Each structure stands twice: as structure tokens, then as C-alpha cells.
Amino acid sequence: VQLQASGGGLVQPGGSLRLSCVASGNTLSIIYMDWYRQAPGKERDMVARIDTHGSTNYADSVKDRFTVSRDNVKGTWNLEMNSLKPEDTAVYYCSARTRDKRFWGQGTLVTVSS
């Protein structure tokens, strides 16, 4: 499975951004489609998850602000980020989990600053 993320950039506090991830290869093997982020000097943490049934999970820090969605046929998933805060600044990674492995896309930088 290969992953390609896009959509990062600079946004002011309170603004919105949409990240997208496109999967190729054996996309039917993907069980979970995740978004992680890593801020400078911090560990990489999961932000949001969506499974093949559409069930979602979010980190407490982004609940009610971020929304994850997926298109199983196209092998894409998105992260809608609203009410962005400076502490949301990080490199965001899309990640796919199959039964046996986890795959990572390249990171996309999100900077929230005035």
C-alpha cells in the first residue's frame, strides 16, 4: 500500500484546512485509515481514525473540531480541521493499517499562526 497526503499549509487561528490521503496498491486490505501528527520535539500521536464500517475515533484534543471521512471505493480519506489552534501545528501523516502491517504516507505540514 502506498499513501500520498496533501493539503497542509499555513492558516490563522480559528481557520480551517482539509487534508487528503490517497491510497494505491492493495487498498482492499486496509482496515483502518488513520491520521497522526507530530509536533516539534514531541512524539507522533494519533489524531483520528476511521474503519471500514465508517466508525470513527478522535483524540480528545481534536474532538468536535476535526472530522475524518473515507471513500472506500476510491481509497481516499480526508481530515477536515476546523477552529484550528496554534497547538495544532504539526506535521500530519496519513497511515493505513492492514491485518499485518502499518503503512505511512509522507508528512504534510500544518502551521497555525497569525
N, C-alpha and C. Protein backbone atom coordinates (compact mmCIF):
# COMPACT_ATOMS: atom_id res chain seq x y z
N VAL A 1 0.85 -1.19 0.00
CA VAL A 1 0.00 0.00 0.00
C VAL A 1 0.89 1.24 0.00
N GLN A 2 0.59 2.15 -0.90
CA GLN A 2 1.31 3.43 -0.95
C GLN A 2 0.32 4.55 -0.62
N LEU A 3 0.82 5.52 0.11
CA LEU A 3 -0.05 6.61 0.56
C LEU A 3 0.54 7.95 0.16
N GLN A 4 -0.33 8.86 -0.26
CA GLN A 4 0.09 10.20 -0.65
C GLN A 4 -0.83 11.21 0.02
N ALA A 5 -0.25 11.99 0.91
CA ALA A 5 -1.02 13.00 1.63
C ALA A 5 -0.83 14.37 1.00
N SER A 6 -1.85 15.21 1.18
CA SER A 6 -1.78 16.58 0.66
C SER A 6 -2.70 17.47 1.47
N GLY A 7 -2.53 18.79 1.31
CA GLY A 7 -3.47 19.73 1.89
C GLY A 7 -2.96 20.58 3.02
N GLY A 8 -1.72 20.38 3.45
CA GLY A 8 -1.21 21.19 4.54
C GLY A 8 -0.96 22.62 4.10
N GLY A 9 -0.61 23.46 5.07
CA GLY A 9 -0.32 24.84 4.76
C GLY A 9 -0.36 25.71 6.00
N LEU A 10 -0.36 27.01 5.75
CA LEU A 10 -0.41 28.00 6.82
C LEU A 10 -1.83 28.53 6.94
N VAL A 11 -2.33 28.56 8.17
CA VAL A 11 -3.68 29.06 8.42
C VAL A 11 -3.67 29.85 9.71
N GLN A 12 -4.56 30.83 9.79
CA GLN A 12 -4.66 31.62 11.01
C GLN A 12 -5.46 30.89 12.07
N PRO A 13 -5.23 31.19 13.32
CA PRO A 13 -6.05 30.58 14.38
C PRO A 13 -7.54 30.80 14.12
N GLY A 14 -8.30 29.74 14.34
CA GLY A 14 -9.72 29.79 14.06
C GLY A 14 -10.08 29.38 12.64
N GLY A 15 -9.09 29.21 11.81
CA GLY A 15 -9.33 28.84 10.42
C GLY A 15 -9.51 27.35 10.22
N SER A 16 -9.62 26.97 8.96
CA SER A 16 -9.88 25.57 8.61
C SER A 16 -8.92 25.11 7.53
N LEU A 17 -8.68 23.82 7.51
CA LEU A 17 -7.90 23.17 6.46
C LEU A 17 -8.47 21.78 6.25
N ARG A 18 -8.24 21.28 5.04
CA ARG A 18 -8.66 19.91 4.72
C ARG A 18 -7.46 19.14 4.21
N LEU A 19 -7.15 18.05 4.88
CA LEU A 19 -6.09 17.16 4.44
C LEU A 19 -6.71 15.98 3.71
N SER A 20 -6.00 15.51 2.70
CA SER A 20 -6.46 14.34 1.95
C SER A 20 -5.34 13.33 1.84
N CYS A 21 -5.73 12.08 1.76
CA CYS A 21 -4.77 10.99 1.60
C CYS A 21 -5.31 10.04 0.55
N VAL A 22 -4.47 9.73 -0.41
CA VAL A 22 -4.84 8.79 -1.47
C VAL A 22 -4.02 7.53 -1.31
N ALA A 23 -4.70 6.40 -1.30
CA ALA A 23 -4.02 5.11 -1.18
C ALA A 23 -4.00 4.42 -2.54
N SER A 24 -2.92 3.70 -2.80
CA SER A 24 -2.82 2.88 -4.01
C SER A 24 -2.23 1.54 -3.63
N GLY A 25 -2.33 0.60 -4.54
CA GLY A 25 -1.89 -0.75 -4.23
C GLY A 25 -3.05 -1.59 -3.72
N ASN A 26 -2.78 -2.43 -2.75
CA ASN A 26 -3.80 -3.33 -2.23
C ASN A 26 -4.70 -2.61 -1.22
N THR A 27 -5.49 -1.68 -1.72
CA THR A 27 -6.31 -0.85 -0.82
C THR A 27 -7.42 -1.64 -0.15
N LEU A 28 -7.84 -2.74 -0.74
CA LEU A 28 -8.90 -3.53 -0.13
C LEU A 28 -8.45 -4.20 1.16
N SER A 29 -7.13 -4.25 1.40
CA SER A 29 -6.62 -4.84 2.63
C SER A 29 -6.62 -3.87 3.79
N ILE A 30 -6.93 -2.60 3.52
CA ILE A 30 -6.88 -1.59 4.57
C ILE A 30 -8.07 -1.74 5.51
N ILE A 31 -7.79 -1.81 6.79
CA ILE A 31 -8.84 -1.91 7.81
C ILE A 31 -9.09 -0.55 8.45
N TYR A 32 -8.01 0.10 8.84
CA TYR A 32 -8.10 1.40 9.48
C TYR A 32 -7.37 2.45 8.65
N MET A 33 -7.99 3.60 8.55
CA MET A 33 -7.35 4.75 7.92
C MET A 33 -7.18 5.79 9.01
N ASP A 34 -5.94 6.14 9.29
CA ASP A 34 -5.64 6.99 10.44
C ASP A 34 -4.94 8.28 10.00
N TRP A 35 -5.06 9.26 10.87
CA TRP A 35 -4.24 10.47 10.77
C TRP A 35 -3.46 10.61 12.07
N TYR A 36 -2.17 10.82 11.94
CA TYR A 36 -1.28 11.08 13.06
C TYR A 36 -0.71 12.48 12.88
N ARG A 37 -0.16 13.01 13.95
CA ARG A 37 0.58 14.25 13.84
C ARG A 37 1.76 14.24 14.80
N GLN A 38 2.77 15.00 14.42
CA GLN A 38 3.97 15.09 15.24
C GLN A 38 4.41 16.54 15.28
N ALA A 39 4.34 17.12 16.47
CA ALA A 39 4.80 18.49 16.67
C ALA A 39 6.29 18.46 16.99
N PRO A 40 6.98 19.56 16.79
CA PRO A 40 8.42 19.60 17.05
C PRO A 40 8.74 19.18 18.49
N GLY A 41 9.66 18.24 18.62
CA GLY A 41 10.08 17.80 19.93
C GLY A 41 9.12 16.87 20.64
N LYS A 42 8.06 16.47 19.95
CA LYS A 42 7.06 15.59 20.58
C LYS A 42 6.92 14.29 19.80
N GLU A 43 6.26 13.34 20.44
CA GLU A 43 6.03 12.05 19.79
C GLU A 43 4.91 12.16 18.76
N ARG A 44 4.87 11.20 17.87
CA ARG A 44 3.80 11.11 16.88
C ARG A 44 2.57 10.49 17.54
N ASP A 45 1.48 11.17 17.48
CA ASP A 45 0.25 10.72 18.14
C ASP A 45 -0.89 10.61 17.14
N MET A 46 -1.78 9.68 17.39
CA MET A 46 -2.94 9.53 16.54
C MET A 46 -3.92 10.67 16.79
N VAL A 47 -4.45 11.20 15.71
CA VAL A 47 -5.41 12.28 15.77
C VAL A 47 -6.83 11.77 15.51
N ALA A 48 -6.95 10.93 14.50
CA ALA A 48 -8.28 10.45 14.11
C ALA A 48 -8.15 9.12 13.40
N ARG A 49 -9.21 8.35 13.48
CA ARG A 49 -9.26 7.02 12.85
C ARG A 49 -10.66 6.79 12.29
N ILE A 50 -10.68 6.10 11.15
CA ILE A 50 -11.94 5.64 10.61
C ILE A 50 -11.73 4.23 10.09
N ASP A 51 -12.69 3.34 10.37
CA ASP A 51 -12.52 1.95 9.93
C ASP A 51 -13.39 1.68 8.69
N THR A 52 -13.37 0.44 8.24
CA THR A 52 -14.07 0.09 7.01
C THR A 52 -15.58 0.25 7.13
N HIS A 53 -16.08 0.27 8.37
CA HIS A 53 -17.52 0.42 8.58
C HIS A 53 -17.92 1.88 8.77
N GLY A 54 -16.93 2.76 8.78
CA GLY A 54 -17.21 4.17 8.99
C GLY A 54 -17.18 4.62 10.43
N SER A 55 -16.84 3.72 11.34
CA SER A 55 -16.72 4.11 12.74
C SER A 55 -15.48 4.96 12.94
N THR A 56 -15.62 6.00 13.75
CA THR A 56 -14.53 6.95 13.92
C THR A 56 -14.10 7.07 15.39
N ASN A 57 -12.86 7.46 15.56
CA ASN A 57 -12.33 7.79 16.88
C ASN A 57 -11.44 9.02 16.74
N TYR A 58 -11.45 9.84 17.78
CA TYR A 58 -10.68 11.07 17.75
C TYR A 58 -9.90 11.24 19.06
N ALA A 59 -8.76 11.88 18.96
CA ALA A 59 -8.06 12.30 20.16
C ALA A 59 -8.90 13.36 20.86
N ASP A 60 -8.84 13.37 22.17
CA ASP A 60 -9.65 14.34 22.93
C ASP A 60 -9.37 15.78 22.50
N SER A 61 -8.13 16.04 22.14
CA SER A 61 -7.72 17.40 21.82
C SER A 61 -8.36 17.93 20.53
N VAL A 62 -8.91 17.04 19.70
CA VAL A 62 -9.47 17.50 18.43
C VAL A 62 -10.95 17.17 18.29
N LYS A 63 -11.53 16.51 19.27
CA LYS A 63 -12.96 16.19 19.20
C LYS A 63 -13.77 17.45 19.00
N ASP A 64 -14.80 17.34 18.18
CA ASP A 64 -15.73 18.43 17.87
C ASP A 64 -15.10 19.50 16.98
N ARG A 65 -13.84 19.33 16.60
CA ARG A 65 -13.20 20.28 15.68
C ARG A 65 -12.77 19.60 14.39
N PHE A 66 -12.33 18.36 14.49
CA PHE A 66 -11.85 17.62 13.33
C PHE A 66 -12.85 16.54 12.94
N THR A 67 -12.95 16.28 11.65
CA THR A 67 -13.83 15.22 11.14
C THR A 67 -13.08 14.40 10.10
N VAL A 68 -13.08 13.09 10.29
CA VAL A 68 -12.43 12.19 9.34
C VAL A 68 -13.50 11.50 8.51
N SER A 69 -13.22 11.34 7.23
CA SER A 69 -14.14 10.63 6.34
C SER A 69 -13.33 9.80 5.36
N ARG A 70 -14.00 8.84 4.71
CA ARG A 70 -13.29 8.00 3.77
C ARG A 70 -14.18 7.60 2.61
N ASP A 71 -13.54 7.30 1.51
CA ASP A 71 -14.22 6.75 0.34
C ASP A 71 -13.57 5.41 0.06
N ASN A 72 -14.25 4.34 0.44
CA ASN A 72 -13.67 3.01 0.30
C ASN A 72 -13.39 2.63 -1.15
N VAL A 73 -14.23 3.10 -2.05
CA VAL A 73 -14.06 2.74 -3.45
C VAL A 73 -12.83 3.43 -4.03
N LYS A 74 -12.67 4.70 -3.72
CA LYS A 74 -11.54 5.45 -4.26
C LYS A 74 -10.27 5.25 -3.46
N GLY A 75 -10.38 4.69 -2.26
CA GLY A 75 -9.20 4.51 -1.42
C GLY A 75 -8.63 5.83 -0.94
N THR A 76 -9.51 6.75 -0.60
CA THR A 76 -9.07 8.05 -0.09
C THR A 76 -9.71 8.32 1.26
N TRP A 77 -9.06 9.11 2.06
CA TRP A 77 -9.69 9.62 3.26
C TRP A 77 -9.22 11.03 3.53
N ASN A 78 -10.08 11.77 4.20
CA ASN A 78 -9.87 13.18 4.42
C ASN A 78 -9.95 13.52 5.90
N LEU A 79 -9.33 14.63 6.26
CA LEU A 79 -9.41 15.15 7.61
C LEU A 79 -9.79 16.62 7.50
N GLU A 80 -11.02 16.92 7.87
CA GLU A 80 -11.48 18.30 7.91
C GLU A 80 -11.13 18.88 9.28
N MET A 81 -10.37 19.96 9.27
CA MET A 81 -9.91 20.55 10.53
C MET A 81 -10.48 21.96 10.64
N ASN A 82 -11.28 22.17 11.66
CA ASN A 82 -11.90 23.48 11.90
C ASN A 82 -11.43 24.05 13.23
N SER A 83 -11.67 25.33 13.40
CA SER A 83 -11.32 26.02 14.66
C SER A 83 -9.89 25.70 15.05
N LEU A 84 -8.99 25.82 14.11
CA LEU A 84 -7.60 25.44 14.35
C LEU A 84 -6.95 26.34 15.37
N LYS A 85 -6.07 25.73 16.16
CA LYS A 85 -5.37 26.41 17.22
C LYS A 85 -3.87 26.33 16.96
N PRO A 86 -3.09 27.24 17.52
CA PRO A 86 -1.63 27.15 17.34
C PRO A 86 -1.07 25.80 17.78
N GLU A 87 -1.66 25.19 18.77
CA GLU A 87 -1.17 23.89 19.25
C GLU A 87 -1.49 22.75 18.28
N ASP A 88 -2.25 23.02 17.23
CA ASP A 88 -2.47 22.03 16.18
C ASP A 88 -1.31 22.00 15.17
N THR A 89 -0.39 22.94 15.31
CA THR A 89 0.75 22.99 14.40
C THR A 89 1.58 21.71 14.53
N ALA A 90 1.77 21.05 13.41
CA ALA A 90 2.49 19.77 13.40
C ALA A 90 2.63 19.28 11.97
N VAL A 91 3.44 18.26 11.81
CA VAL A 91 3.45 17.51 10.56
C VAL A 91 2.40 16.41 10.71
N TYR A 92 1.49 16.36 9.77
CA TYR A 92 0.40 15.39 9.78
C TYR A 92 0.71 14.26 8.81
N TYR A 93 0.48 13.03 9.28
CA TYR A 93 0.74 11.84 8.48
C TYR A 93 -0.53 11.03 8.32
N CYS A 94 -0.79 10.58 7.12
CA CYS A 94 -1.84 9.58 6.97
C CYS A 94 -1.20 8.20 7.10
N SER A 95 -1.98 7.28 7.61
CA SER A 95 -1.46 5.94 7.87
C SER A 95 -2.57 4.93 7.65
N ALA A 96 -2.21 3.83 7.06
CA ALA A 96 -3.17 2.76 6.80
C ALA A 96 -2.73 1.50 7.54
N ARG A 97 -3.69 0.88 8.18
CA ARG A 97 -3.40 -0.34 8.90
C ARG A 97 -4.14 -1.50 8.24
N THR A 98 -3.36 -2.54 7.85
CA THR A 98 -3.95 -3.77 7.35
C THR A 98 -3.91 -4.80 8.48
N ARG A 99 -4.22 -6.01 8.18
CA ARG A 99 -4.20 -7.04 9.22
C ARG A 99 -2.78 -7.24 9.75
N ASP A 100 -1.80 -7.06 8.86
CA ASP A 100 -0.43 -7.44 9.22
C ASP A 100 0.54 -6.27 9.37
N LYS A 101 0.23 -5.13 8.72
CA LYS A 101 1.22 -4.07 8.67
C LYS A 101 0.57 -2.69 8.79
N ARG A 102 1.42 -1.72 9.10
CA ARG A 102 1.03 -0.32 9.06
C ARG A 102 1.87 0.37 8.01
N PHE A 103 1.20 1.17 7.21
CA PHE A 103 1.86 1.93 6.16
C PHE A 103 1.73 3.41 6.45
N TRP A 104 2.75 4.15 6.02
CA TRP A 104 2.78 5.59 6.27
C TRP A 104 2.91 6.36 4.97
N GLY A 105 2.23 7.48 4.92
CA GLY A 105 2.44 8.43 3.85
C GLY A 105 3.49 9.43 4.28
N GLN A 106 3.88 10.28 3.34
CA GLN A 106 4.81 11.34 3.72
C GLN A 106 4.04 12.38 4.52
N GLY A 107 4.67 13.13 5.32
CA GLY A 107 4.01 14.11 6.14
C GLY A 107 3.64 15.36 5.37
N THR A 108 2.63 16.06 5.89
CA THR A 108 2.27 17.35 5.33
C THR A 108 2.18 18.33 6.49
N LEU A 109 2.86 19.47 6.34
CA LEU A 109 2.99 20.41 7.45
C LEU A 109 1.77 21.31 7.54
N VAL A 110 1.24 21.39 8.76
CA VAL A 110 0.16 22.33 9.07
C VAL A 110 0.70 23.32 10.09
N THR A 111 0.64 24.59 9.75
CA THR A 111 1.10 25.65 10.63
C THR A 111 -0.07 26.58 10.94
N VAL A 112 -0.37 26.71 12.22
CA VAL A 112 -1.46 27.60 12.64
C VAL A 112 -0.82 28.79 13.35
N SER A 113 -0.88 29.92 12.70
CA SER A 113 -0.20 31.09 13.23
C SER A 113 -0.80 32.35 12.63
N SER A 114 -0.79 33.41 13.42
CA SER A 114 -1.26 34.70 12.92
C SER A 114 -0.09 35.51 12.37
